[in-house]
């Protein structure tokens, strides 16, 4: 299983120096225009990696990602009443359409049976 990784944005002086950051983690994206590197570092080693990266001469600043702190499960989410109403209305329309098709099929079968 893969270790937990945390995102880090490393602002650098020049994009050519981005390759030197590979030894600290896996590089996800390098922006040549804005001069930053988006990368993932192992959670267990992130403090030490940031401390070492801050001492590098081409690094201007480092920002940690807070994405792992954002909750992704919402317990008290309220259902949308408008969508719920639309689904009920659509269901009723489909049931009415199916009933009318069944009645027309029965009527056509009855006509075929009476013609014979």
C-alpha atoms as a PDB file:
ATOM      1  CA  UNK A   1       0.000   0.000   0.000  1.00  0.00           C
ATOM      2  CA  UNK A   2       1.153   3.526  -0.759  1.00  0.00           C
ATOM      3  CA  UNK A   3       2.255   5.783   2.083  1.00  0.00           C
ATOM      4  CA  UNK A   4       0.235   8.906   2.791  1.00  0.00           C
ATOM      5  CA  UNK A   5       1.547  11.874   0.837  1.00  0.00           C
ATOM      6  CA  UNK A   6       0.955  15.580   1.369  1.00  0.00           C
ATOM      7  CA  UNK A   7       1.075  18.310  -1.242  1.00  0.00           C
ATOM      8  CA  UNK A   8       3.645  21.069  -1.178  1.00  0.00           C
ATOM      9  CA  UNK A   9       4.084  24.135  -3.394  1.00  0.00           C
ATOM     10  CA  UNK A  10       7.718  25.188  -3.667  1.00  0.00           C
ATOM     11  CA  UNK A  11       8.395  28.654  -5.126  1.00  0.00           C
ATOM     12  CA  UNK A  12      11.749  28.761  -6.892  1.00  0.00           C
ATOM     13  CA  UNK A  13      13.928  31.430  -8.515  1.00  0.00           C
ATOM     14  CA  UNK A  14      14.178  29.663 -11.877  1.00  0.00           C
ATOM     15  CA  UNK A  15      12.393  26.664 -13.380  1.00  0.00           C
ATOM     16  CA  UNK A  16      15.675  24.985 -14.346  1.00  0.00           C
ATOM     17  CA  UNK A  17      16.284  24.254 -10.673  1.00  0.00           C
ATOM     18  CA  UNK A  18      13.073  22.233 -10.335  1.00  0.00           C
ATOM     19  CA  UNK A  19      14.809  18.966 -11.180  1.00  0.00           C
ATOM     20  CA  UNK A  20      16.861  19.257  -8.001  1.00  0.00           C
ATOM     21  CA  UNK A  21      13.694  18.808  -5.917  1.00  0.00           C
ATOM     22  CA  UNK A  22      13.070  15.254  -7.158  1.00  0.00           C
ATOM     23  CA  UNK A  23      15.002  13.738  -4.266  1.00  0.00           C
ATOM     24  CA  UNK A  24      12.480  15.138  -1.740  1.00  0.00           C
ATOM     25  CA  UNK A  25       9.321  13.674  -3.306  1.00  0.00           C
ATOM     26  CA  UNK A  26       7.434  13.179  -6.529  1.00  0.00           C
ATOM     27  CA  UNK A  27       6.958  16.248  -8.702  1.00  0.00           C
ATOM     28  CA  UNK A  28       3.428  16.718  -9.978  1.00  0.00           C
ATOM     29  CA  UNK A  29       3.691  19.957 -11.947  1.00  0.00           C
ATOM     30  CA  UNK A  30       6.309  22.571 -12.799  1.00  0.00           C
ATOM     31  CA  UNK A  31       5.171  26.082 -13.725  1.00  0.00           C
ATOM     32  CA  UNK A  32       7.798  27.790 -15.839  1.00  0.00           C
ATOM     33  CA  UNK A  33       5.887  31.058 -16.009  1.00  0.00           C
ATOM     34  CA  UNK A  34       5.138  31.442 -12.285  1.00  0.00           C
ATOM     35  CA  UNK A  35       8.273  29.579 -11.118  1.00  0.00           C
ATOM     36  CA  UNK A  36       6.773  27.090  -8.703  1.00  0.00           C
ATOM     37  CA  UNK A  37       6.762  23.324  -8.315  1.00  0.00           C
ATOM     38  CA  UNK A  38       3.776  21.349  -7.117  1.00  0.00           C
ATOM     39  CA  UNK A  39       4.941  18.143  -5.520  1.00  0.00           C
ATOM     40  CA  UNK A  40       4.009  15.375  -3.095  1.00  0.00           C
ATOM     41  CA  UNK A  41       6.121  14.442  -0.079  1.00  0.00           C
ATOM     42  CA  UNK A  42       5.681  11.505   2.300  1.00  0.00           C
ATOM     43  CA  UNK A  43       3.723  12.609   5.367  1.00  0.00           C
ATOM     44  CA  UNK A  44       6.222  11.079   7.768  1.00  0.00           C
ATOM     45  CA  UNK A  45       9.133  13.004   6.235  1.00  0.00           C
ATOM     46  CA  UNK A  46       7.453  16.313   5.362  1.00  0.00           C
ATOM     47  CA  UNK A  47       8.864  18.403   8.219  1.00  0.00           C
ATOM     48  CA  UNK A  48      12.433  17.328   7.536  1.00  0.00           C
ATOM     49  CA  UNK A  49      12.018  17.754   3.766  1.00  0.00           C
ATOM     50  CA  UNK A  50      10.649  21.289   4.158  1.00  0.00           C
ATOM     51  CA  UNK A  51      13.445  22.202   6.552  1.00  0.00           C
ATOM     52  CA  UNK A  52      16.080  21.019   4.042  1.00  0.00           C
ATOM     53  CA  UNK A  53      14.345  22.572   1.014  1.00  0.00           C
ATOM     54  CA  UNK A  54      14.108  25.975   2.729  1.00  0.00           C
ATOM     55  CA  UNK A  55      17.901  26.061   3.013  1.00  0.00           C
ATOM     56  CA  UNK A  56      18.402  25.570  -0.734  1.00  0.00           C
ATOM     57  CA  UNK A  57      19.594  28.759  -2.456  1.00  0.00           C
ATOM     58  CA  UNK A  58      17.064  28.629  -5.309  1.00  0.00           C
ATOM     59  CA  UNK A  59      13.962  28.192  -3.096  1.00  0.00           C
ATOM     60  CA  UNK A  60      12.122  31.410  -2.191  1.00  0.00           C
ATOM     61  CA  UNK A  61       9.228  30.022  -0.140  1.00  0.00           C
ATOM     62  CA  UNK A  62       7.317  26.808   0.593  1.00  0.00           C
ATOM     63  CA  UNK A  63       3.579  26.381   1.154  1.00  0.00           C
ATOM     64  CA  UNK A  64       1.888  23.272   2.472  1.00  0.00           C
ATOM     65  CA  UNK A  65      -1.347  22.079   0.929  1.00  0.00           C
ATOM     66  CA  UNK A  66      -4.403  22.102   3.192  1.00  0.00           C
ATOM     67  CA  UNK A  67      -6.434  19.816   0.950  1.00  0.00           C
ATOM     68  CA  UNK A  68      -6.165  16.875   3.358  1.00  0.00           C
ATOM     69  CA  UNK A  69      -7.831  19.008   6.065  1.00  0.00           C
ATOM     70  CA  UNK A  70     -10.995  19.655   4.045  1.00  0.00           C
ATOM     71  CA  UNK A  71     -13.853  17.281   4.970  1.00  0.00           C
ATOM     72  CA  UNK A  72     -15.238  15.258   2.071  1.00  0.00           C
ATOM     73  CA  UNK A  73     -18.184  13.621   3.841  1.00  0.00           C
ATOM     74  CA  UNK A  74     -21.185  15.765   4.643  1.00  0.00           C
ATOM     75  CA  UNK A  75     -23.583  14.287   7.202  1.00  0.00           C
ATOM     76  CA  UNK A  76     -26.240  16.983   7.363  1.00  0.00           C
ATOM     77  CA  UNK A  77     -26.642  17.688   3.649  1.00  0.00           C
ATOM     78  CA  UNK A  78     -30.252  18.574   2.929  1.00  0.00           C
ATOM     79  CA  UNK A  79     -31.835  17.152  -0.228  1.00  0.00           C
ATOM     80  CA  UNK A  80     -32.814  19.671  -2.861  1.00  0.00           C
ATOM     81  CA  UNK A  81     -36.605  19.932  -2.804  1.00  0.00           C
ATOM     82  CA  UNK A  82     -36.805  21.171  -6.407  1.00  0.00           C
ATOM     83  CA  UNK A  83     -34.876  18.161  -7.734  1.00  0.00           C
ATOM     84  CA  UNK A  84     -36.908  15.804  -5.576  1.00  0.00           C
ATOM     85  CA  UNK A  85     -40.117  17.302  -6.999  1.00  0.00           C
ATOM     86  CA  UNK A  86     -38.785  16.992 -10.564  1.00  0.00           C
ATOM     87  CA  UNK A  87     -37.890  13.327 -10.028  1.00  0.00           C
ATOM     88  CA  UNK A  88     -41.369  12.573  -8.672  1.00  0.00           C
ATOM     89  CA  UNK A  89     -42.995  14.414 -11.563  1.00  0.00           C
ATOM     90  CA  UNK A  90     -40.810  12.583 -14.088  1.00  0.00           C
ATOM     91  CA  UNK A  91     -41.634   9.245 -12.458  1.00  0.00           C
ATOM     92  CA  UNK A  92     -45.371   9.995 -12.621  1.00  0.00           C
ATOM     93  CA  UNK A  93     -45.068  10.965 -16.280  1.00  0.00           C
ATOM     94  CA  UNK A  94     -43.241   7.734 -17.089  1.00  0.00           C
ATOM     95  CA  UNK A  95     -45.852   5.669 -15.267  1.00  0.00           C
ATOM     96  CA  UNK A  96     -48.662   7.461 -17.137  1.00  0.00           C
ATOM     97  CA  UNK A  97     -46.871   6.899 -20.458  1.00  0.00           C
ATOM     98  CA  UNK A  98     -46.375   3.205 -19.691  1.00  0.00           C
ATOM     99  CA  UNK A  99     -50.063   2.843 -18.744  1.00  0.00           C
ATOM    100  CA  UNK A 100     -51.207   4.516 -21.960  1.00  0.00           C
ATOM    101  CA  UNK A 101     -48.916   2.269 -24.017  1.00  0.00           C
ATOM    102  CA  UNK A 102     -50.260  -0.817 -22.250  1.00  0.00           C
ATOM    103  CA  UNK A 103     -53.861   0.268 -22.898  1.00  0.00           C
ATOM    104  CA  UNK A 104     -53.155   0.935 -26.578  1.00  0.00           C
ATOM    105  CA  UNK A 105     -51.468  -2.465 -26.855  1.00  0.00           C
ATOM    106  CA  UNK A 106     -54.489  -4.162 -25.252  1.00  0.00           C
ATOM    107  CA  UNK A 107     -56.849  -2.278 -27.557  1.00  0.00           C
ATOM    108  CA  UNK A 108     -54.878  -3.282 -30.650  1.00  0.00           C
ATOM    109  CA  UNK A 109     -54.800  -6.922 -29.460  1.00  0.00           C
ATOM    110  CA  UNK A 110     -58.560  -6.804 -28.902  1.00  0.00           C
ATOM    111  CA  UNK A 111     -59.128  -5.414 -32.400  1.00  0.00           C
ATOM    112  CA  UNK A 112     -56.938  -8.101 -33.934  1.00  0.00           C
ATOM    113  CA  UNK A 113     -58.812 -10.769 -31.967  1.00  0.00           C
ATOM    114  CA  UNK A 114     -62.239  -9.474 -33.047  1.00  0.00           C
ATOM    115  CA  UNK A 115     -61.251  -9.315 -36.712  1.00  0.00           C
ATOM    116  CA  UNK A 116     -60.410 -13.010 -36.842  1.00  0.00           C
END
